[in-house]
Amino acid sequence: MPARQIRYSVGDSGSRGGFGLVELMITIAMVAVLTAIALPSYSYMIRGNRIVTQANDLLSAFNYARNESITRSRGVTLCAADTTAGTPAGCGDAGDWSKGWMAFIDDTAAPTDPPPTAVDAGSVLRTWVGIPQNVLTVADDQAFIRFNPRGMASSNPDPDVVFTLKPISDCSNQQQRSIVINALGRSSSSKVNCT
């Protein structure tokens, strides 16, 4: 029985597949245009998420310190501290809020006395790390907030402490937050226009 011969015609392309160079270039151009359109919105969303995260961390720190002071019936201080390298040995200044903060047991005699320069590691209850892409400042250069055993906040000089949180760069619309803690120890956050 003779073997079958299969012949292909020169114009037969039914079995070939894939993309040609023109189709590939059009696809790459479309992806580039869509990326250019979406990238600013994505960056805005990332900055907003960082702000919300740090605002929530700060509010939870206030609530934690207040609850611990009531639960333990002792003074608890929340202070600015550089927590990037682990548990700090003491409180920092008002500029350190961007680097982090810590809560510790503090039985200081007067509520407005500055916190001790050296903090025993055993008295530190918890630390929080700041987000380096954000700027966290506080009015009146307040470096600490002390909660008494009844959960009331003592600060100096004003009864209300106002924190301002915003991205380091490209702050737009209402990405800035104003975080207030009052003399009763209650804290709140609100969106404000970037300044």
Protein backbone atom coordinates (compact mmCIF):
# COMPACT_ATOMS: atom_id res chain seq x y z
CA MET A 1 0.00 0.00 0.00
CA PRO A 2 1.51 3.28 -1.04
CA ALA A 3 2.21 5.97 1.58
CA ARG A 4 -0.05 8.99 1.59
CA GLN A 5 1.40 12.25 0.63
CA ILE A 6 0.13 15.41 2.22
CA ARG A 7 0.52 18.58 0.26
CA TYR A 8 0.33 22.06 1.65
CA SER A 9 -0.48 25.03 -0.43
CA VAL A 10 1.68 28.12 -0.15
CA GLY A 11 -1.13 30.37 1.19
CA ASP A 12 -2.42 27.90 3.82
CA SER A 13 -2.10 29.45 7.30
CA GLY A 14 -4.86 27.62 9.14
CA SER A 15 -2.51 25.83 11.55
CA ARG A 16 -0.32 28.83 12.47
CA GLY A 17 -1.10 30.94 15.59
CA GLY A 18 0.34 33.72 17.76
CA PHE A 19 0.78 37.45 17.61
CA GLY A 20 2.40 39.45 14.94
CA LEU A 21 4.69 42.39 15.60
CA VAL A 22 1.95 44.97 14.96
CA GLU A 23 -0.49 43.35 17.40
CA LEU A 24 2.22 43.11 20.06
CA MET A 25 3.15 46.80 19.70
CA ILE A 26 -0.51 47.87 19.94
CA THR A 27 -0.95 45.81 23.11
CA ILE A 28 2.18 47.30 24.71
CA ALA A 29 1.01 50.83 23.83
CA MET A 30 -2.41 50.21 25.40
CA VAL A 31 -0.84 48.88 28.61
CA ALA A 32 1.46 51.92 28.78
CA VAL A 33 -1.46 54.35 28.39
CA LEU A 34 -3.57 52.59 31.03
CA THR A 35 -0.61 52.54 33.45
CA ALA A 36 0.01 56.26 32.94
CA ILE A 37 -3.64 56.96 33.71
CA ALA A 38 -3.84 54.69 36.77
CA LEU A 39 -0.49 55.48 38.45
CA PRO A 40 -1.42 58.89 39.99
CA SER A 41 -4.61 57.43 41.45
CA TYR A 42 -2.68 54.49 42.85
CA SER A 43 -0.10 56.79 44.49
CA TYR A 44 -2.90 58.90 46.00
CA MET A 45 -4.53 55.75 47.39
CA ILE A 46 -1.24 54.52 48.92
CA ARG A 47 -0.62 57.90 50.64
CA GLY A 48 -4.19 57.88 51.97
CA ASN A 49 -3.83 54.35 53.34
CA ARG A 50 -0.61 55.29 55.16
CA ILE A 51 -2.34 58.27 56.77
CA VAL A 52 -5.35 56.20 57.87
CA THR A 53 -3.06 53.49 59.26
CA GLN A 54 -0.97 55.89 61.33
CA ALA A 55 -4.02 57.84 62.54
CA ASN A 56 -5.61 54.59 63.71
CA ASP A 57 -2.35 53.56 65.41
CA LEU A 58 -2.18 56.85 67.30
CA LEU A 59 -5.84 56.68 68.35
CA SER A 60 -5.40 53.08 69.51
CA ALA A 61 -2.31 54.14 71.50
CA PHE A 62 -4.31 56.86 73.29
CA ASN A 63 -7.11 54.42 74.08
CA TYR A 64 -4.65 51.73 75.18
CA ALA A 65 -2.78 54.07 77.55
CA ARG A 66 -6.02 55.41 78.98
CA ASN A 67 -7.48 51.93 79.52
CA GLU A 68 -4.27 50.70 81.14
CA SER A 69 -4.22 53.64 83.56
CA ILE A 70 -7.80 52.87 84.63
CA THR A 71 -7.25 49.12 84.81
CA ARG A 72 -4.00 49.37 86.79
CA SER A 73 -5.12 52.38 88.88
CA ARG A 74 -1.75 53.93 88.10
CA GLY A 75 -0.42 56.72 85.97
CA VAL A 76 0.42 55.78 82.39
CA THR A 77 2.32 58.08 80.06
CA LEU A 78 2.32 58.04 76.28
CA CYS A 79 5.36 59.86 74.95
CA ALA A 80 7.21 60.50 71.72
CA ALA A 81 10.11 58.09 71.34
CA ASP A 82 12.37 56.80 68.61
CA THR A 83 11.19 53.19 68.41
CA THR A 84 12.89 52.36 65.11
CA ALA A 85 15.73 50.50 66.87
CA GLY A 86 13.62 48.61 69.43
CA THR A 87 12.40 49.57 72.88
CA PRO A 88 13.69 53.04 73.73
CA ALA A 89 15.37 53.80 77.06
CA GLY A 90 13.54 57.11 77.47
CA CYS A 91 11.16 59.62 75.97
CA GLY A 92 12.20 61.87 73.14
CA ASP A 93 11.19 65.39 72.28
CA ALA A 94 8.14 66.66 70.40
CA GLY A 95 9.86 66.03 67.07
CA ASP A 96 10.08 62.29 67.75
CA TRP A 97 6.37 61.60 67.30
CA SER A 98 7.08 60.84 63.62
CA LYS A 99 9.58 58.15 64.69
CA GLY A 100 7.18 56.41 67.06
CA TRP A 101 5.80 56.50 70.59
CA MET A 102 5.55 54.32 73.67
CA ALA A 103 3.29 53.78 76.66
CA PHE A 104 4.76 53.08 80.08
CA ILE A 105 3.75 53.03 83.74
CA ASP A 106 4.60 56.43 85.23
CA ASP A 107 3.79 57.29 88.83
CA THR A 108 5.12 60.85 88.68
CA ALA A 109 4.07 63.11 91.52
CA ALA A 110 2.70 66.00 89.46
CA PRO A 111 0.70 65.31 86.29
CA THR A 112 2.49 67.99 84.29
CA ASP A 113 6.04 67.04 85.36
CA PRO A 114 8.06 65.86 82.40
CA PRO A 115 8.43 62.09 82.11
CA PRO A 116 11.63 60.61 83.47
CA THR A 117 14.62 60.79 81.15
CA ALA A 118 15.31 57.10 81.70
CA VAL A 119 12.47 54.61 81.53
CA ASP A 120 12.84 51.16 83.07
CA ALA A 121 12.30 48.54 80.37
CA GLY A 122 10.01 46.63 82.75
CA SER A 123 7.60 49.55 82.95
CA VAL A 124 7.20 49.88 79.16
CA LEU A 125 3.79 48.52 78.21
CA ARG A 126 3.89 48.88 74.45
CA THR A 127 5.65 50.70 71.61
CA TRP A 128 4.48 51.88 68.18
CA VAL A 129 6.65 52.64 65.15
CA GLY A 130 5.94 55.70 63.03
CA ILE A 131 5.60 55.66 59.26
CA PRO A 132 8.56 57.51 57.68
CA GLN A 133 6.48 58.71 54.69
CA ASN A 134 4.24 60.73 57.05
CA VAL A 135 4.81 63.83 59.16
CA LEU A 136 3.27 63.82 62.65
CA THR A 137 3.49 67.10 64.56
CA VAL A 138 1.87 68.28 67.76
CA ALA A 139 0.82 71.75 68.88
CA ASP A 140 2.76 73.45 71.68
CA ASP A 141 5.66 70.98 71.30
CA GLN A 142 3.92 68.44 73.50
CA ALA A 143 6.25 65.45 73.96
CA PHE A 144 4.00 63.39 76.26
CA ILE A 145 0.47 62.83 77.51
CA ARG A 146 -0.03 61.42 80.99
CA PHE A 147 -3.19 59.58 82.05
CA ASN A 148 -4.09 59.52 85.72
CA PRO A 149 -5.69 56.46 87.40
CA ARG A 150 -9.14 57.81 86.47
CA GLY A 151 -8.22 57.97 82.78
CA MET A 152 -8.03 61.74 82.51
CA ALA A 153 -5.27 63.25 80.38
CA SER A 154 -2.82 65.76 81.76
CA SER A 155 -0.93 67.89 79.32
CA ASN A 156 0.91 71.13 79.42
CA PRO A 157 0.04 73.96 78.68
CA ASP A 158 -3.35 73.39 76.99
CA PRO A 159 -6.07 70.95 78.10
CA ASP A 160 -6.54 69.76 74.50
CA VAL A 161 -3.61 68.37 72.54
CA VAL A 162 -3.85 68.64 68.75
CA PHE A 163 -1.79 66.41 66.47
CA THR A 164 -1.45 67.06 62.73
CA LEU A 165 -0.73 64.11 60.45
CA LYS A 166 -0.05 64.38 56.72
CA PRO A 167 2.11 62.85 53.98
CA ILE A 168 5.64 64.22 53.62
CA SER A 169 4.97 65.12 50.00
CA ASP A 170 2.04 65.48 47.61
CA CYS A 171 -0.63 66.02 50.25
CA SER A 172 -3.85 66.70 48.39
CA ASN A 173 -7.56 67.08 49.10
CA GLN A 174 -8.34 65.93 52.64
CA GLN A 175 -5.42 63.57 53.26
CA GLN A 176 -4.40 65.56 56.33
CA ARG A 177 -5.76 64.49 59.72
CA SER A 178 -6.30 66.48 62.88
CA ILE A 179 -6.19 64.25 65.96
CA VAL A 180 -7.36 65.78 69.24
CA ILE A 181 -7.14 64.39 72.76
CA ASN A 182 -9.07 66.31 75.39
CA ALA A 183 -8.62 66.65 79.15
CA LEU A 184 -11.03 63.76 79.77
CA GLY A 185 -8.67 61.47 77.84
CA ARG A 186 -10.98 61.04 74.87
CA SER A 187 -9.46 61.20 71.42
CA SER A 188 -10.93 61.92 67.99
CA SER A 189 -9.73 62.26 64.43
CA SER A 190 -11.07 64.40 61.59
CA LYS A 191 -10.13 65.00 57.96
CA VAL A 192 -8.92 68.47 57.09
CA ASN A 193 -7.71 70.10 53.91
CA CYS A 194 -3.97 69.89 53.33
CA THR A 195 -1.99 72.93 54.34
